[in-house]
């Protein structure tokens, strides 16, 4: 998956921007698909990654994380968050394989956040 990672101030600043826009839907892996609080199940073909943000811990590698902003084919926008490499939050739940199958259509922050 080729992405153009960017550095934004903090994880919390991104999550706050999503909350303000009512797009703070967390996509989580369940039964081999992504779901959110709406209960709908999404396959990789139903989704696209519209922005990727990487955060690197300055003093502790376990602070390194990635946020994928995701848009579903029904218009729902949300995010999925994970830690890097060995610090991943996902053992053998299929998350890594699933996220790699989602098409990437990187958008500029202005398109997403309107700023």
C-alpha atoms as a PDB file:
ATOM      1  CA  UNK A   1       0.000   0.000   0.000  1.00  0.00           C
ATOM      2  CA  UNK A   2       1.520   3.291  -1.010  1.00  0.00           C
ATOM      3  CA  UNK A   3       0.543   6.236   1.104  1.00  0.00           C
ATOM      4  CA  UNK A   4       1.828   9.703   1.600  1.00  0.00           C
ATOM      5  CA  UNK A   5       2.099   9.894   5.390  1.00  0.00           C
ATOM      6  CA  UNK A   6       1.915  13.291   6.975  1.00  0.00           C
ATOM      7  CA  UNK A   7       2.716  14.713  10.343  1.00  0.00           C
ATOM      8  CA  UNK A   8      -0.097  16.493  12.134  1.00  0.00           C
ATOM      9  CA  UNK A   9       0.343  17.904  15.616  1.00  0.00           C
ATOM     10  CA  UNK A  10      -1.117  15.102  17.743  1.00  0.00           C
ATOM     11  CA  UNK A  11      -3.376  12.074  17.621  1.00  0.00           C
ATOM     12  CA  UNK A  12      -5.861  13.925  19.804  1.00  0.00           C
ATOM     13  CA  UNK A  13      -5.970  16.896  17.389  1.00  0.00           C
ATOM     14  CA  UNK A  14      -7.001  14.626  14.532  1.00  0.00           C
ATOM     15  CA  UNK A  15      -9.597  12.827  16.642  1.00  0.00           C
ATOM     16  CA  UNK A  16     -10.961  16.189  17.810  1.00  0.00           C
ATOM     17  CA  UNK A  17     -11.288  17.459  14.222  1.00  0.00           C
ATOM     18  CA  UNK A  18     -13.179  14.272  13.347  1.00  0.00           C
ATOM     19  CA  UNK A  19     -15.411  14.633  16.427  1.00  0.00           C
ATOM     20  CA  UNK A  20     -16.297  18.237  15.558  1.00  0.00           C
ATOM     21  CA  UNK A  21     -17.255  17.120  12.026  1.00  0.00           C
ATOM     22  CA  UNK A  22     -19.212  14.131  13.448  1.00  0.00           C
ATOM     23  CA  UNK A  23     -16.847  11.784  11.621  1.00  0.00           C
ATOM     24  CA  UNK A  24     -15.317  10.156  14.688  1.00  0.00           C
ATOM     25  CA  UNK A  25     -16.590   6.699  13.776  1.00  0.00           C
ATOM     26  CA  UNK A  26     -14.006   4.092  14.731  1.00  0.00           C
ATOM     27  CA  UNK A  27     -13.688   1.206  12.313  1.00  0.00           C
ATOM     28  CA  UNK A  28     -12.834  -1.979  14.189  1.00  0.00           C
ATOM     29  CA  UNK A  29     -12.165  -5.479  12.922  1.00  0.00           C
ATOM     30  CA  UNK A  30     -14.879  -8.019  13.706  1.00  0.00           C
ATOM     31  CA  UNK A  31     -15.433 -11.378  12.047  1.00  0.00           C
ATOM     32  CA  UNK A  32     -12.988 -10.532   9.258  1.00  0.00           C
ATOM     33  CA  UNK A  33     -14.634  -7.203   8.345  1.00  0.00           C
ATOM     34  CA  UNK A  34     -14.689  -3.632   9.627  1.00  0.00           C
ATOM     35  CA  UNK A  35     -17.653  -2.344  11.568  1.00  0.00           C
ATOM     36  CA  UNK A  36     -18.535   0.844  13.448  1.00  0.00           C
ATOM     37  CA  UNK A  37     -21.204   1.728  15.966  1.00  0.00           C
ATOM     38  CA  UNK A  38     -23.754   1.715  13.123  1.00  0.00           C
ATOM     39  CA  UNK A  39     -23.450  -2.087  13.151  1.00  0.00           C
ATOM     40  CA  UNK A  40     -22.925  -2.348   9.402  1.00  0.00           C
ATOM     41  CA  UNK A  41     -20.153  -4.668   8.213  1.00  0.00           C
ATOM     42  CA  UNK A  42     -17.717  -3.428   5.562  1.00  0.00           C
ATOM     43  CA  UNK A  43     -15.377  -5.416   3.323  1.00  0.00           C
ATOM     44  CA  UNK A  44     -12.223  -3.805   1.862  1.00  0.00           C
ATOM     45  CA  UNK A  45     -14.107  -3.194  -1.409  1.00  0.00           C
ATOM     46  CA  UNK A  46     -16.626  -1.055   0.510  1.00  0.00           C
ATOM     47  CA  UNK A  47     -13.912   1.261   1.828  1.00  0.00           C
ATOM     48  CA  UNK A  48     -11.107   3.575   0.798  1.00  0.00           C
ATOM     49  CA  UNK A  49      -8.308   5.100   2.831  1.00  0.00           C
ATOM     50  CA  UNK A  50      -8.478   8.843   2.238  1.00  0.00           C
ATOM     51  CA  UNK A  51      -5.594   9.959   4.470  1.00  0.00           C
ATOM     52  CA  UNK A  52      -2.862   8.404   6.574  1.00  0.00           C
ATOM     53  CA  UNK A  53      -1.268  10.057   9.596  1.00  0.00           C
ATOM     54  CA  UNK A  54       1.828   8.622  11.279  1.00  0.00           C
ATOM     55  CA  UNK A  55       3.037   9.581  14.738  1.00  0.00           C
ATOM     56  CA  UNK A  56       6.439   8.639  16.048  1.00  0.00           C
ATOM     57  CA  UNK A  57       7.170   8.603  19.756  1.00  0.00           C
ATOM     58  CA  UNK A  58      10.099  10.876  20.488  1.00  0.00           C
ATOM     59  CA  UNK A  59      11.343   8.960  23.510  1.00  0.00           C
ATOM     60  CA  UNK A  60       9.481   5.661  23.371  1.00  0.00           C
ATOM     61  CA  UNK A  61       8.962   3.570  20.210  1.00  0.00           C
ATOM     62  CA  UNK A  62       5.781   2.141  21.740  1.00  0.00           C
ATOM     63  CA  UNK A  63       4.249   5.620  21.277  1.00  0.00           C
ATOM     64  CA  UNK A  64       4.423   5.240  17.484  1.00  0.00           C
ATOM     65  CA  UNK A  65       1.005   4.971  15.912  1.00  0.00           C
ATOM     66  CA  UNK A  66      -0.877   5.357  12.673  1.00  0.00           C
ATOM     67  CA  UNK A  67      -4.356   6.684  11.958  1.00  0.00           C
ATOM     68  CA  UNK A  68      -6.108   5.736   8.746  1.00  0.00           C
ATOM     69  CA  UNK A  69      -8.975   8.033   7.752  1.00  0.00           C
ATOM     70  CA  UNK A  70     -11.471   5.853   5.933  1.00  0.00           C
ATOM     71  CA  UNK A  71     -14.528   6.571   3.809  1.00  0.00           C
ATOM     72  CA  UNK A  72     -17.145   3.878   3.209  1.00  0.00           C
ATOM     73  CA  UNK A  73     -19.124   3.545  -0.018  1.00  0.00           C
ATOM     74  CA  UNK A  74     -22.223   4.708   1.897  1.00  0.00           C
ATOM     75  CA  UNK A  75     -20.521   8.046   2.741  1.00  0.00           C
ATOM     76  CA  UNK A  76     -19.598   7.222   6.331  1.00  0.00           C
ATOM     77  CA  UNK A  77     -16.217   8.679   7.285  1.00  0.00           C
ATOM     78  CA  UNK A  78     -14.231   7.413  10.229  1.00  0.00           C
ATOM     79  CA  UNK A  79     -10.858   6.167  11.317  1.00  0.00           C
ATOM     80  CA  UNK A  80      -8.873   3.141  12.337  1.00  0.00           C
ATOM     81  CA  UNK A  81      -5.873   3.447  14.606  1.00  0.00           C
ATOM     82  CA  UNK A  82      -2.988   1.077  15.221  1.00  0.00           C
ATOM     83  CA  UNK A  83       0.508   1.057  16.667  1.00  0.00           C
ATOM     84  CA  UNK A  84       3.549   0.343  14.511  1.00  0.00           C
ATOM     85  CA  UNK A  85       5.168  -3.045  14.036  1.00  0.00           C
ATOM     86  CA  UNK A  86       5.732  -5.181  17.108  1.00  0.00           C
ATOM     87  CA  UNK A  87       3.614  -2.764  19.148  1.00  0.00           C
ATOM     88  CA  UNK A  88       0.550  -3.410  16.982  1.00  0.00           C
ATOM     89  CA  UNK A  89      -2.770  -3.588  18.799  1.00  0.00           C
ATOM     90  CA  UNK A  90      -3.782  -6.504  16.592  1.00  0.00           C
ATOM     91  CA  UNK A  91      -2.309  -9.962  17.041  1.00  0.00           C
ATOM     92  CA  UNK A  92      -3.782 -12.496  14.648  1.00  0.00           C
ATOM     93  CA  UNK A  93      -7.207 -10.927  14.168  1.00  0.00           C
ATOM     94  CA  UNK A  94      -6.670 -10.302  10.426  1.00  0.00           C
ATOM     95  CA  UNK A  95      -6.375  -6.514  10.798  1.00  0.00           C
ATOM     96  CA  UNK A  96      -3.072  -6.154   8.931  1.00  0.00           C
ATOM     97  CA  UNK A  97      -4.260  -8.199   5.945  1.00  0.00           C
ATOM     98  CA  UNK A  98      -7.598  -6.381   5.902  1.00  0.00           C
ATOM     99  CA  UNK A  99      -6.117  -2.861   5.987  1.00  0.00           C
ATOM    100  CA  UNK A 100      -3.719  -3.722   3.141  1.00  0.00           C
ATOM    101  CA  UNK A 101      -6.664  -4.685   0.924  1.00  0.00           C
ATOM    102  CA  UNK A 102      -8.406  -1.313   1.281  1.00  0.00           C
ATOM    103  CA  UNK A 103      -7.772   0.911  -1.769  1.00  0.00           C
ATOM    104  CA  UNK A 104      -5.917   4.147  -1.075  1.00  0.00           C
ATOM    105  CA  UNK A 105      -7.162   7.457  -2.463  1.00  0.00           C
ATOM    106  CA  UNK A 106      -5.126  10.017  -0.557  1.00  0.00           C
ATOM    107  CA  UNK A 107      -6.802  13.391  -0.204  1.00  0.00           C
ATOM    108  CA  UNK A 108      -5.436  16.685   0.994  1.00  0.00           C
ATOM    109  CA  UNK A 109      -6.267  17.751   4.543  1.00  0.00           C
ATOM    110  CA  UNK A 110      -8.210  20.746   3.171  1.00  0.00           C
ATOM    111  CA  UNK A 111     -10.549  18.374   1.334  1.00  0.00           C
ATOM    112  CA  UNK A 112     -11.154  16.332   4.462  1.00  0.00           C
ATOM    113  CA  UNK A 113     -11.199  18.975   7.189  1.00  0.00           C
ATOM    114  CA  UNK A 114     -12.089  22.035   5.153  1.00  0.00           C
ATOM    115  CA  UNK A 115      -9.182  24.077   6.483  1.00  0.00           C
END
